[in-house]
PDB file of N, CA and C in Angstrom:
ATOM      1  N   UNK A   1     -19.292 -18.237   2.137  1.00  0.00           N
ATOM      2  CA  UNK A   1     -18.074 -17.467   2.333  1.00  0.00           C
ATOM      3  C   UNK A   1     -18.278 -16.060   1.781  1.00  0.00           C
ATOM      4  N   UNK A   2     -17.826 -15.080   2.537  1.00  0.00           N
ATOM      5  CA  UNK A   2     -17.883 -13.699   2.073  1.00  0.00           C
ATOM      6  C   UNK A   2     -16.827 -13.506   1.004  1.00  0.00           C
ATOM      7  N   UNK A   3     -17.070 -12.555   0.148  1.00  0.00           N
ATOM      8  CA  UNK A   3     -16.108 -12.280  -0.910  1.00  0.00           C
ATOM      9  C   UNK A   3     -15.659 -10.830  -0.863  1.00  0.00           C
ATOM     10  N   UNK A   4     -14.482 -10.616  -1.409  1.00  0.00           N
ATOM     11  CA  UNK A   4     -13.973  -9.274  -1.611  1.00  0.00           C
ATOM     12  C   UNK A   4     -13.778  -9.097  -3.103  1.00  0.00           C
ATOM     13  N   UNK A   5     -13.702  -7.873  -3.507  1.00  0.00           N
ATOM     14  CA  UNK A   5     -13.486  -7.576  -4.921  1.00  0.00           C
ATOM     15  C   UNK A   5     -11.996  -7.344  -5.128  1.00  0.00           C
ATOM     16  N   UNK A   6     -11.373  -8.184  -5.927  1.00  0.00           N
ATOM     17  CA  UNK A   6      -9.944  -8.082  -6.209  1.00  0.00           C
ATOM     18  C   UNK A   6      -9.765  -7.941  -7.712  1.00  0.00           C
ATOM     19  N   UNK A   7      -9.048  -6.895  -8.087  1.00  0.00           N
ATOM     20  CA  UNK A   7      -8.751  -6.674  -9.504  1.00  0.00           C
ATOM     21  C   UNK A   7      -7.240  -6.702  -9.689  1.00  0.00           C
ATOM     22  N   UNK A   8      -6.804  -7.466 -10.670  1.00  0.00           N
ATOM     23  CA  UNK A   8      -5.380  -7.544 -10.992  1.00  0.00           C
ATOM     24  C   UNK A   8      -5.168  -6.808 -12.303  1.00  0.00           C
ATOM     25  N   UNK A   9      -4.290  -5.822 -12.264  1.00  0.00           N
ATOM     26  CA  UNK A   9      -3.989  -5.000 -13.436  1.00  0.00           C
ATOM     27  C   UNK A   9      -2.500  -5.144 -13.737  1.00  0.00           C
ATOM     28  N   UNK A  10      -2.193  -5.387 -14.994  1.00  0.00           N
ATOM     29  CA  UNK A  10      -0.805  -5.530 -15.416  1.00  0.00           C
ATOM     30  C   UNK A  10      -0.495  -4.461 -16.448  1.00  0.00           C
ATOM     31  N   UNK A  11       0.061  -3.296 -15.999  1.00  0.00           N
ATOM     32  CA  UNK A  11       0.360  -2.231 -16.957  1.00  0.00           C
ATOM     33  C   UNK A  11       1.426  -2.628 -17.970  1.00  0.00           C
ATOM     34  N   UNK A  12       2.342  -3.488 -17.570  1.00  0.00           N
ATOM     35  CA  UNK A  12       3.332  -4.055 -18.482  1.00  0.00           C
ATOM     36  C   UNK A  12       3.836  -5.361 -17.871  1.00  0.00           C
ATOM     37  N   UNK A  13       4.742  -6.043 -18.553  1.00  0.00           N
ATOM     38  CA  UNK A  13       5.173  -7.361 -18.078  1.00  0.00           C
ATOM     39  C   UNK A  13       6.005  -7.306 -16.803  1.00  0.00           C
ATOM     40  N   UNK A  14       6.448  -6.129 -16.391  1.00  0.00           N
ATOM     41  CA  UNK A  14       7.275  -6.003 -15.197  1.00  0.00           C
ATOM     42  C   UNK A  14       6.503  -5.589 -13.947  1.00  0.00           C
ATOM     43  N   UNK A  15       5.223  -5.200 -14.109  1.00  0.00           N
ATOM     44  CA  UNK A  15       4.449  -4.687 -12.981  1.00  0.00           C
ATOM     45  C   UNK A  15       3.097  -5.377 -12.877  1.00  0.00           C
ATOM     46  N   UNK A  16       2.697  -5.635 -11.629  1.00  0.00           N
ATOM     47  CA  UNK A  16       1.349  -6.123 -11.348  1.00  0.00           C
ATOM     48  C   UNK A  16       0.787  -5.267 -10.219  1.00  0.00           C
ATOM     49  N   UNK A  17      -0.421  -4.744 -10.418  1.00  0.00           N
ATOM     50  CA  UNK A  17      -1.115  -3.966  -9.403  1.00  0.00           C
ATOM     51  C   UNK A  17      -2.358  -4.759  -8.999  1.00  0.00           C
ATOM     52  N   UNK A  18      -2.528  -4.935  -7.700  1.00  0.00           N
ATOM     53  CA  UNK A  18      -3.701  -5.636  -7.188  1.00  0.00           C
ATOM     54  C   UNK A  18      -4.496  -4.656  -6.336  1.00  0.00           C
ATOM     55  N   UNK A  19      -5.747  -4.415  -6.727  1.00  0.00           N
ATOM     56  CA  UNK A  19      -6.641  -3.524  -5.976  1.00  0.00           C
ATOM     57  C   UNK A  19      -7.666  -4.379  -5.248  1.00  0.00           C
ATOM     58  N   UNK A  20      -7.874  -4.051  -3.973  1.00  0.00           N
ATOM     59  CA  UNK A  20      -8.785  -4.835  -3.143  1.00  0.00           C
ATOM     60  C   UNK A  20      -9.860  -3.913  -2.579  1.00  0.00           C
ATOM     61  N   UNK A  21     -11.110  -4.370  -2.648  1.00  0.00           N
ATOM     62  CA  UNK A  21     -12.231  -3.652  -2.057  1.00  0.00           C
ATOM     63  C   UNK A  21     -12.928  -4.609  -1.093  1.00  0.00           C
ATOM     64  N   UNK A  22     -12.969  -4.217   0.169  1.00  0.00           N
ATOM     65  CA  UNK A  22     -13.641  -5.024   1.180  1.00  0.00           C
ATOM     66  C   UNK A  22     -12.710  -5.421   2.305  1.00  0.00           C
ATOM     67  N   UNK A  23     -13.271  -6.135   3.273  1.00  0.00           N
ATOM     68  CA  UNK A  23     -12.510  -6.568   4.437  1.00  0.00           C
ATOM     69  C   UNK A  23     -11.695  -7.816   4.117  1.00  0.00           C
ATOM     70  N   UNK A  24     -10.461  -7.817   4.600  1.00  0.00           N
ATOM     71  CA  UNK A  24      -9.620  -9.000   4.451  1.00  0.00           C
ATOM     72  C   UNK A  24      -9.588  -9.685   5.808  1.00  0.00           C
ATOM     73  N   UNK A  25     -10.211 -10.853   5.860  1.00  0.00           N
ATOM     74  CA  UNK A  25     -10.318 -11.579   7.119  1.00  0.00           C
ATOM     75  C   UNK A  25     -10.162 -13.075   6.860  1.00  0.00           C
ATOM     76  N   UNK A  26     -10.414 -13.854   7.873  1.00  0.00           N
ATOM     77  CA  UNK A  26     -10.212 -15.293   7.756  1.00  0.00           C
ATOM     78  C   UNK A  26     -11.039 -15.906   6.618  1.00  0.00           C
ATOM     79  N   UNK A  27     -12.159 -15.278   6.284  1.00  0.00           N
ATOM     80  CA  UNK A  27     -13.028 -15.795   5.225  1.00  0.00           C
ATOM     81  C   UNK A  27     -12.587 -15.364   3.831  1.00  0.00           C
ATOM     82  N   UNK A  28     -11.969 -14.190   3.728  1.00  0.00           N
ATOM     83  CA  UNK A  28     -11.603 -13.655   2.415  1.00  0.00           C
ATOM     84  C   UNK A  28     -10.110 -13.756   2.106  1.00  0.00           C
ATOM     85  N   UNK A  29      -9.288 -14.037   3.113  1.00  0.00           N
ATOM     86  CA  UNK A  29      -7.836 -14.139   2.885  1.00  0.00           C
ATOM     87  C   UNK A  29      -7.473 -15.181   1.819  1.00  0.00           C
ATOM     88  N   UNK A  30      -8.191 -16.306   1.707  1.00  0.00           N
ATOM     89  CA  UNK A  30      -7.845 -17.255   0.637  1.00  0.00           C
ATOM     90  C   UNK A  30      -7.959 -16.649  -0.767  1.00  0.00           C
ATOM     91  N   UNK A  31      -8.917 -15.735  -0.960  1.00  0.00           N
ATOM     92  CA  UNK A  31      -9.030 -15.063  -2.260  1.00  0.00           C
ATOM     93  C   UNK A  31      -7.794 -14.208  -2.522  1.00  0.00           C
ATOM     94  N   UNK A  32      -7.331 -13.497  -1.493  1.00  0.00           N
ATOM     95  CA  UNK A  32      -6.122 -12.694  -1.635  1.00  0.00           C
ATOM     96  C   UNK A  32      -4.929 -13.594  -1.912  1.00  0.00           C
ATOM     97  N   UNK A  33      -4.838 -14.701  -1.213  1.00  0.00           N
ATOM     98  CA  UNK A  33      -3.747 -15.656  -1.434  1.00  0.00           C
ATOM     99  C   UNK A  33      -3.725 -16.107  -2.892  1.00  0.00           C
ATOM    100  N   UNK A  34      -4.886 -16.480  -3.418  1.00  0.00           N
ATOM    101  CA  UNK A  34      -4.970 -16.923  -4.817  1.00  0.00           C
ATOM    102  C   UNK A  34      -4.561 -15.814  -5.779  1.00  0.00           C
ATOM    103  N   UNK A  35      -4.953 -14.579  -5.487  1.00  0.00           N
ATOM    104  CA  UNK A  35      -4.588 -13.453  -6.348  1.00  0.00           C
ATOM    105  C   UNK A  35      -3.089 -13.191  -6.312  1.00  0.00           C
ATOM    106  N   UNK A  36      -2.484 -13.290  -5.128  1.00  0.00           N
ATOM    107  CA  UNK A  36      -1.030 -13.129  -5.031  1.00  0.00           C
ATOM    108  C   UNK A  36      -0.320 -14.229  -5.807  1.00  0.00           C
ATOM    109  N   UNK A  37      -0.823 -15.438  -5.690  1.00  0.00           N
ATOM    110  CA  UNK A  37      -0.220 -16.563  -6.420  1.00  0.00           C
ATOM    111  C   UNK A  37      -0.286 -16.307  -7.929  1.00  0.00           C
ATOM    112  N   UNK A  38      -1.418 -15.819  -8.404  1.00  0.00           N
ATOM    113  CA  UNK A  38      -1.574 -15.479  -9.825  1.00  0.00           C
ATOM    114  C   UNK A  38      -0.582 -14.387 -10.221  1.00  0.00           C
ATOM    115  N   UNK A  39      -0.448 -13.370  -9.377  1.00  0.00           N
ATOM    116  CA  UNK A  39       0.471 -12.266  -9.675  1.00  0.00           C
ATOM    117  C   UNK A  39       1.911 -12.756  -9.768  1.00  0.00           C
ATOM    118  N   UNK A  40       2.331 -13.605  -8.865  1.00  0.00           N
ATOM    119  CA  UNK A  40       3.712 -14.090  -8.886  1.00  0.00           C
ATOM    120  C   UNK A  40       3.988 -14.999 -10.079  1.00  0.00           C
ATOM    121  N   UNK A  41       2.966 -15.704 -10.544  1.00  0.00           N
ATOM    122  CA  UNK A  41       3.157 -16.544 -11.733  1.00  0.00           C
ATOM    123  C   UNK A  41       3.478 -15.709 -12.958  1.00  0.00           C
ATOM    124  N   UNK A  42       3.053 -14.443 -12.974  1.00  0.00           N
ATOM    125  CA  UNK A  42       3.355 -13.547 -14.098  1.00  0.00           C
ATOM    126  C   UNK A  42       4.827 -13.129 -14.100  1.00  0.00           C
ATOM    127  N   UNK A  43       5.543 -13.443 -13.022  1.00  0.00           N
ATOM    128  CA  UNK A  43       6.981 -13.174 -12.894  1.00  0.00           C
ATOM    129  C   UNK A  43       7.334 -11.686 -13.057  1.00  0.00           C
ATOM    130  N   UNK A  44       6.607 -10.799 -12.361  1.00  0.00           N
ATOM    131  CA  UNK A  44       6.897  -9.368 -12.484  1.00  0.00           C
ATOM    132  C   UNK A  44       8.084  -8.959 -11.613  1.00  0.00           C
ATOM    133  N   UNK A  45       8.615  -7.776 -11.878  1.00  0.00           N
ATOM    134  CA  UNK A  45       9.644  -7.196 -11.006  1.00  0.00           C
ATOM    135  C   UNK A  45       9.001  -6.488  -9.815  1.00  0.00           C
ATOM    136  N   UNK A  46       7.794  -5.966 -10.020  1.00  0.00           N
ATOM    137  CA  UNK A  46       7.118  -5.185  -8.979  1.00  0.00           C
ATOM    138  C   UNK A  46       5.678  -5.659  -8.799  1.00  0.00           C
ATOM    139  N   UNK A  47       5.293  -5.800  -7.536  1.00  0.00           N
ATOM    140  CA  UNK A  47       3.900  -6.084  -7.194  1.00  0.00           C
ATOM    141  C   UNK A  47       3.455  -5.020  -6.204  1.00  0.00           C
ATOM    142  N   UNK A  48       2.360  -4.335  -6.531  1.00  0.00           N
ATOM    143  CA  UNK A  48       1.817  -3.298  -5.666  1.00  0.00           C
ATOM    144  C   UNK A  48       0.407  -3.703  -5.264  1.00  0.00           C
ATOM    145  N   UNK A  49       0.155  -3.681  -3.962  1.00  0.00           N
ATOM    146  CA  UNK A  49      -1.158  -4.024  -3.430  1.00  0.00           C
ATOM    147  C   UNK A  49      -1.825  -2.733  -2.956  1.00  0.00           C
ATOM    148  N   UNK A  50      -2.958  -2.381  -3.549  1.00  0.00           N
ATOM    149  CA  UNK A  50      -3.707  -1.176  -3.176  1.00  0.00           C
ATOM    150  C   UNK A  50      -4.732  -1.547  -2.110  1.00  0.00           C
ATOM    151  N   UNK A  51      -4.516  -1.027  -0.900  1.00  0.00           N
ATOM    152  CA  UNK A  51      -5.393  -1.323   0.227  1.00  0.00           C
ATOM    153  C   UNK A  51      -6.278  -0.133   0.603  1.00  0.00           C
ATOM    154  N   UNK A  52      -6.396   0.849  -0.281  1.00  0.00           N
ATOM    155  CA  UNK A  52      -7.137   2.070   0.045  1.00  0.00           C
ATOM    156  C   UNK A  52      -8.619   1.829   0.288  1.00  0.00           C
ATOM    157  N   UNK A  53      -9.170   0.726  -0.219  1.00  0.00           N
ATOM    158  CA  UNK A  53     -10.588   0.415  -0.017  1.00  0.00           C
ATOM    159  C   UNK A  53     -10.763  -0.789   0.915  1.00  0.00           C
ATOM    160  N   UNK A  54      -9.774  -0.996   1.793  1.00  0.00           N
ATOM    161  CA  UNK A  54      -9.842  -2.078   2.784  1.00  0.00           C
ATOM    162  C   UNK A  54     -10.018  -1.429   4.157  1.00  0.00           C
ATOM    163  N   UNK A  55     -11.260  -1.428   4.685  1.00  0.00           N
ATOM    164  CA  UNK A  55     -11.501  -0.764   5.965  1.00  0.00           C
ATOM    165  C   UNK A  55     -11.053  -1.583   7.171  1.00  0.00           C
ATOM    166  N   UNK A  56     -10.886  -2.893   6.988  1.00  0.00           N
ATOM    167  CA  UNK A  56     -10.556  -3.775   8.106  1.00  0.00           C
ATOM    168  C   UNK A  56      -9.734  -4.955   7.595  1.00  0.00           C
ATOM    169  N   UNK A  57      -8.788  -5.378   8.420  1.00  0.00           N
ATOM    170  CA  UNK A  57      -8.008  -6.571   8.110  1.00  0.00           C
ATOM    171  C   UNK A  57      -7.725  -7.279   9.429  1.00  0.00           C
ATOM    172  N   UNK A  58      -7.840  -8.601   9.438  1.00  0.00           N
ATOM    173  CA  UNK A  58      -7.485  -9.341  10.644  1.00  0.00           C
ATOM    174  C   UNK A  58      -6.148 -10.043  10.438  1.00  0.00           C
ATOM    175  N   UNK A  59      -5.787 -10.881  11.375  1.00  0.00           N
ATOM    176  CA  UNK A  59      -4.471 -11.525  11.310  1.00  0.00           C
ATOM    177  C   UNK A  59      -4.334 -12.470  10.119  1.00  0.00           C
ATOM    178  N   UNK A  60      -5.436 -13.005   9.615  1.00  0.00           N
ATOM    179  CA  UNK A  60      -5.362 -13.857   8.420  1.00  0.00           C
ATOM    180  C   UNK A  60      -4.918 -13.032   7.214  1.00  0.00           C
ATOM    181  N   UNK A  61      -5.392 -11.794   7.138  1.00  0.00           N
ATOM    182  CA  UNK A  61      -4.974 -10.899   6.056  1.00  0.00           C
ATOM    183  C   UNK A  61      -3.507 -10.536   6.183  1.00  0.00           C
ATOM    184  N   UNK A  62      -3.095 -10.227   7.408  1.00  0.00           N
ATOM    185  CA  UNK A  62      -1.679  -9.912   7.652  1.00  0.00           C
ATOM    186  C   UNK A  62      -0.810 -11.108   7.250  1.00  0.00           C
ATOM    187  N   UNK A  63      -1.202 -12.303   7.680  1.00  0.00           N
ATOM    188  CA  UNK A  63      -0.428 -13.504   7.366  1.00  0.00           C
ATOM    189  C   UNK A  63      -0.308 -13.712   5.860  1.00  0.00           C
ATOM    190  N   UNK A  64      -1.366 -13.429   5.129  1.00  0.00           N
ATOM    191  CA  UNK A  64      -1.339 -13.594   3.674  1.00  0.00           C
ATOM    192  C   UNK A  64      -0.394 -12.579   3.040  1.00  0.00           C
ATOM    193  N   UNK A  65      -0.410 -11.337   3.519  1.00  0.00           N
ATOM    194  CA  UNK A  65       0.523 -10.335   2.987  1.00  0.00           C
ATOM    195  C   UNK A  65       1.968 -10.669   3.355  1.00  0.00           C
ATOM    196  N   UNK A  66       2.185 -11.197   4.549  1.00  0.00           N
ATOM    197  CA  UNK A  66       3.536 -11.622   4.943  1.00  0.00           C
ATOM    198  C   UNK A  66       4.016 -12.740   4.017  1.00  0.00           C
ATOM    199  N   UNK A  67       3.118 -13.649   3.678  1.00  0.00           N
ATOM    200  CA  UNK A  67       3.480 -14.718   2.744  1.00  0.00           C
ATOM    201  C   UNK A  67       3.882 -14.135   1.388  1.00  0.00           C
ATOM    202  N   UNK A  68       3.132 -13.155   0.900  1.00  0.00           N
ATOM    203  CA  UNK A  68       3.487 -12.496  -0.360  1.00  0.00           C
ATOM    204  C   UNK A  68       4.846 -11.817  -0.270  1.00  0.00           C
ATOM    205  N   UNK A  69       5.108 -11.171   0.858  1.00  0.00           N
ATOM    206  CA  UNK A  69       6.408 -10.529   1.067  1.00  0.00           C
ATOM    207  C   UNK A  69       7.525 -11.566   1.047  1.00  0.00           C
ATOM    208  N   UNK A  70       7.304 -12.694   1.680  1.00  0.00           N
ATOM    209  CA  UNK A  70       8.304 -13.765   1.683  1.00  0.00           C
ATOM    210  C   UNK A  70       8.533 -14.311   0.279  1.00  0.00           C
ATOM    211  N   UNK A  71       7.453 -14.487  -0.476  1.00  0.00           N
ATOM    212  CA  UNK A  71       7.604 -14.944  -1.858  1.00  0.00           C
ATOM    213  C   UNK A  71       8.475 -13.980  -2.640  1.00  0.00           C
ATOM    214  N   UNK A  72       8.229 -12.675  -2.445  1.00  0.00           N
ATOM    215  CA  UNK A  72       9.000 -11.685  -3.199  1.00  0.00           C
ATOM    216  C   UNK A  72      10.479 -11.720  -2.802  1.00  0.00           C
ATOM    217  N   UNK A  73      10.747 -11.934  -1.548  1.00  0.00           N
ATOM    218  CA  UNK A  73      12.141 -11.991  -1.084  1.00  0.00           C
ATOM    219  C   UNK A  73      12.845 -13.276  -1.497  1.00  0.00           C
ATOM    220  N   UNK A  74      12.083 -14.330  -1.678  1.00  0.00           N
ATOM    221  CA  UNK A  74      12.673 -15.626  -2.033  1.00  0.00           C
ATOM    222  C   UNK A  74      12.717 -15.883  -3.532  1.00  0.00           C
ATOM    223  N   UNK A  75      12.258 -14.939  -4.318  1.00  0.00           N
ATOM    224  CA  UNK A  75      12.230 -15.106  -5.771  1.00  0.00           C
ATOM    225  C   UNK A  75      13.170 -14.086  -6.399  1.00  0.00           C
ATOM    226  N   UNK A  76      14.472 -14.394  -6.484  1.00  0.00           N
ATOM    227  CA  UNK A  76      15.442 -13.422  -7.004  1.00  0.00           C
ATOM    228  C   UNK A  76      15.095 -12.963  -8.406  1.00  0.00           C
ATOM    229  N   UNK A  77      15.411 -11.715  -8.636  1.00  0.00           N
ATOM    230  CA  UNK A  77      15.209 -11.105  -9.945  1.00  0.00           C
ATOM    231  C   UNK A  77      16.460 -10.321 -10.286  1.00  0.00           C
ATOM    232  N   UNK A  78      17.138 -10.701 -11.329  1.00  0.00           N
ATOM    233  CA  UNK A  78      18.404 -10.058 -11.666  1.00  0.00           C
ATOM    234  C   UNK A  78      18.225  -8.628 -12.151  1.00  0.00           C
ATOM    235  N   UNK A  79      17.033  -8.271 -12.641  1.00  0.00           N
ATOM    236  CA  UNK A  79      16.797  -6.914 -13.130  1.00  0.00           C
ATOM    237  C   UNK A  79      16.634  -5.915 -11.987  1.00  0.00           C
ATOM    238  N   UNK A  80      16.350  -6.390 -10.807  1.00  0.00           N
ATOM    239  CA  UNK A  80      16.079  -5.518  -9.671  1.00  0.00           C
ATOM    240  C   UNK A  80      17.369  -5.157  -8.949  1.00  0.00           C
ATOM    241  N   UNK A  81      17.537  -3.876  -8.608  1.00  0.00           N
ATOM    242  CA  UNK A  81      18.744  -3.440  -7.917  1.00  0.00           C
ATOM    243  C   UNK A  81      18.856  -4.070  -6.527  1.00  0.00           C
ATOM    244  N   UNK A  82      17.744  -4.462  -5.940  1.00  0.00           N
ATOM    245  CA  UNK A  82      17.776  -5.037  -4.602  1.00  0.00           C
ATOM    246  C   UNK A  82      17.986  -6.549  -4.633  1.00  0.00           C
ATOM    247  N   UNK A  83      17.933  -7.149  -5.810  1.00  0.00           N
ATOM    248  CA  UNK A  83      18.132  -8.587  -5.921  1.00  0.00           C
ATOM    249  C   UNK A  83      16.864  -9.402  -5.778  1.00  0.00           C
ATOM    250  N   UNK A  84      15.749  -8.780  -5.488  1.00  0.00           N
ATOM    251  CA  UNK A  84      14.487  -9.502  -5.399  1.00  0.00           C
ATOM    252  C   UNK A  84      13.356  -8.618  -5.901  1.00  0.00           C
ATOM    253  N   UNK A  85      12.199  -9.213  -6.003  1.00  0.00           N
ATOM    254  CA  UNK A  85      11.041  -8.460  -6.473  1.00  0.00           C
ATOM    255  C   UNK A  85      10.648  -7.389  -5.467  1.00  0.00           C
ATOM    256  N   UNK A  86      10.089  -6.314  -5.978  1.00  0.00           N
ATOM    257  CA  UNK A  86       9.552  -5.262  -5.123  1.00  0.00           C
ATOM    258  C   UNK A  86       8.115  -5.630  -4.780  1.00  0.00           C
ATOM    259  N   UNK A  87       7.812  -5.613  -3.494  1.00  0.00           N
ATOM    260  CA  UNK A  87       6.470  -5.916  -3.006  1.00  0.00           C
ATOM    261  C   UNK A  87       6.070  -4.757  -2.110  1.00  0.00           C
ATOM    262  N   UNK A  88       5.114  -3.947  -2.559  1.00  0.00           N
ATOM    263  CA  UNK A  88       4.762  -2.767  -1.783  1.00  0.00           C
ATOM    264  C   UNK A  88       3.254  -2.662  -1.591  1.00  0.00           C
ATOM    265  N   UNK A  89       2.917  -1.963  -0.522  1.00  0.00           N
ATOM    266  CA  UNK A  89       1.522  -1.702  -0.195  1.00  0.00           C
ATOM    267  C   UNK A  89       1.271  -0.219  -0.383  1.00  0.00           C
ATOM    268  N   UNK A  90       0.115   0.125  -0.919  1.00  0.00           N
ATOM    269  CA  UNK A  90      -0.222   1.538  -1.068  1.00  0.00           C
ATOM    270  C   UNK A  90      -1.634   1.765  -0.558  1.00  0.00           C
ATOM    271  N   UNK A  91      -1.892   3.012  -0.187  1.00  0.00           N
ATOM    272  CA  UNK A  91      -3.227   3.381   0.264  1.00  0.00           C
ATOM    273  C   UNK A  91      -3.655   2.687   1.537  1.00  0.00           C
ATOM    274  N   UNK A  92      -2.717   2.416   2.420  1.00  0.00           N
ATOM    275  CA  UNK A  92      -3.039   1.704   3.650  1.00  0.00           C
ATOM    276  C   UNK A  92      -3.870   2.615   4.563  1.00  0.00           C
ATOM    277  N   UNK A  93      -5.064   2.163   4.918  1.00  0.00           N
ATOM    278  CA  UNK A  93      -5.949   2.946   5.776  1.00  0.00           C
ATOM    279  C   UNK A  93      -5.402   2.993   7.201  1.00  0.00           C
ATOM    280  N   UNK A  94      -5.882   3.929   7.977  1.00  0.00           N
ATOM    281  CA  UNK A  94      -5.406   4.101   9.350  1.00  0.00           C
ATOM    282  C   UNK A  94      -5.623   2.836  10.181  1.00  0.00           C
ATOM    283  N   UNK A  95      -6.780   2.208  10.034  1.00  0.00           N
ATOM    284  CA  UNK A  95      -7.075   0.996  10.816  1.00  0.00           C
ATOM    285  C   UNK A  95      -6.115  -0.135  10.461  1.00  0.00           C
ATOM    286  N   UNK A  96      -5.841  -0.289   9.187  1.00  0.00           N
ATOM    287  CA  UNK A  96      -4.926  -1.348   8.748  1.00  0.00           C
ATOM    288  C   UNK A  96      -3.496  -0.997   9.152  1.00  0.00           C
ATOM    289  N   UNK A  97      -3.133   0.265   9.040  1.00  0.00           N
ATOM    290  CA  UNK A  97      -1.789   0.704   9.462  1.00  0.00           C
ATOM    291  C   UNK A  97      -1.578   0.419  10.956  1.00  0.00           C
ATOM    292  N   UNK A  98      -2.620   0.657  11.750  1.00  0.00           N
ATOM    293  CA  UNK A  98      -2.533   0.372  13.187  1.00  0.00           C
ATOM    294  C   UNK A  98      -2.297  -1.115  13.435  1.00  0.00           C
ATOM    295  N   UNK A  99      -2.956  -1.970  12.649  1.00  0.00           N
ATOM    296  CA  UNK A  99      -2.772  -3.411  12.800  1.00  0.00           C
ATOM    297  C   UNK A  99      -1.326  -3.811  12.480  1.00  0.00           C
ATOM    298  N   UNK A 100      -0.760  -3.228  11.425  1.00  0.00           N
ATOM    299  CA  UNK A 100       0.645  -3.488  11.103  1.00  0.00           C
ATOM    300  C   UNK A 100       1.547  -3.064  12.263  1.00  0.00           C
ATOM    301  N   UNK A 101       1.211  -1.927  12.875  1.00  0.00           N
ATOM    302  CA  UNK A 101       1.986  -1.450  14.018  1.00  0.00           C
ATOM    303  C   UNK A 101       1.892  -2.387  15.206  1.00  0.00           C
ATOM    304  N   UNK A 102       0.681  -2.839  15.514  1.00  0.00           N
ATOM    305  CA  UNK A 102       0.484  -3.769  16.627  1.00  0.00           C
ATOM    306  C   UNK A 102       1.231  -5.086  16.404  1.00  0.00           C
ATOM    307  N   UNK A 103       1.269  -5.509  15.146  1.00  0.00           N
ATOM    308  CA  UNK A 103       1.966  -6.757  14.809  1.00  0.00           C
ATOM    309  C   UNK A 103       3.469  -6.538  14.639  1.00  0.00           C
ATOM    310  N   UNK A 104       3.906  -5.284  14.806  1.00  0.00           N
ATOM    311  CA  UNK A 104       5.313  -4.909  14.660  1.00  0.00           C
ATOM    312  C   UNK A 104       5.855  -5.269  13.276  1.00  0.00           C
ATOM    313  N   UNK A 105       5.014  -5.016  12.269  1.00  0.00           N
ATOM    314  CA  UNK A 105       5.390  -5.326  10.883  1.00  0.00           C
ATOM    315  C   UNK A 105       5.524  -4.081  10.005  1.00  0.00           C
ATOM    316  N   UNK A 106       5.291  -2.905  10.567  1.00  0.00           N
ATOM    317  CA  UNK A 106       5.328  -1.682   9.757  1.00  0.00           C
ATOM    318  C   UNK A 106       6.647  -1.542   9.015  1.00  0.00           C
ATOM    319  N   UNK A 107       7.746  -1.859   9.673  1.00  0.00           N
ATOM    320  CA  UNK A 107       9.062  -1.718   9.057  1.00  0.00           C
ATOM    321  C   UNK A 107       9.413  -2.799   8.067  1.00  0.00           C
ATOM    322  N   UNK A 108       8.645  -3.872   8.041  1.00  0.00           N
ATOM    323  CA  UNK A 108       8.937  -4.983   7.122  1.00  0.00           C
ATOM    324  C   UNK A 108       8.432  -4.721   5.709  1.00  0.00           C
ATOM    325  N   UNK A 109       7.350  -3.977   5.603  1.00  0.00           N
ATOM    326  CA  UNK A 109       6.732  -3.708   4.307  1.00  0.00           C
ATOM    327  C   UNK A 109       7.138  -2.341   3.787  1.00  0.00           C
ATOM    328  N   UNK A 110       7.203  -2.240   2.476  1.00  0.00           N
ATOM    329  CA  UNK A 110       7.327  -0.934   1.835  1.00  0.00           C
ATOM    330  C   UNK A 110       5.918  -0.416   1.684  1.00  0.00           C
ATOM    331  N   UNK A 111       5.609   0.676   2.399  1.00  0.00           N
ATOM    332  CA  UNK A 111       4.277   1.265   2.349  1.00  0.00           C
ATOM    333  C   UNK A 111       4.399   2.642   1.717  1.00  0.00           C
ATOM    334  N   UNK A 112       3.686   2.809   0.598  1.00  0.00           N
ATOM    335  CA  UNK A 112       3.721   4.078  -0.125  1.00  0.00           C
ATOM    336  C   UNK A 112       2.382   4.754  -0.084  1.00  0.00           C
TER     337      UNK A 112
END
């Protein structure tokens, strides 16, 4: 199985930042899934996924990010003004942004 480099950084108890280096595909999406699961167990208010070093993503990667988005929406947080955890993507490359557009998911994610 191919691997990607995933780093989880917790600047404080309310934030988790996940940085990914490499392609997210059917072979590497399980690693991302496990990292998201670890991040949610920390019970943060905000989760930010840095995709700036992800040159390619297939539908398995999209499905894993959609699952993370659903987890954030289904896990209420009283400290958050929106009523749920913030789940955002940053540094989305053009190729990955195009995939979100093709899947008609651009409006579902907060992309910064």
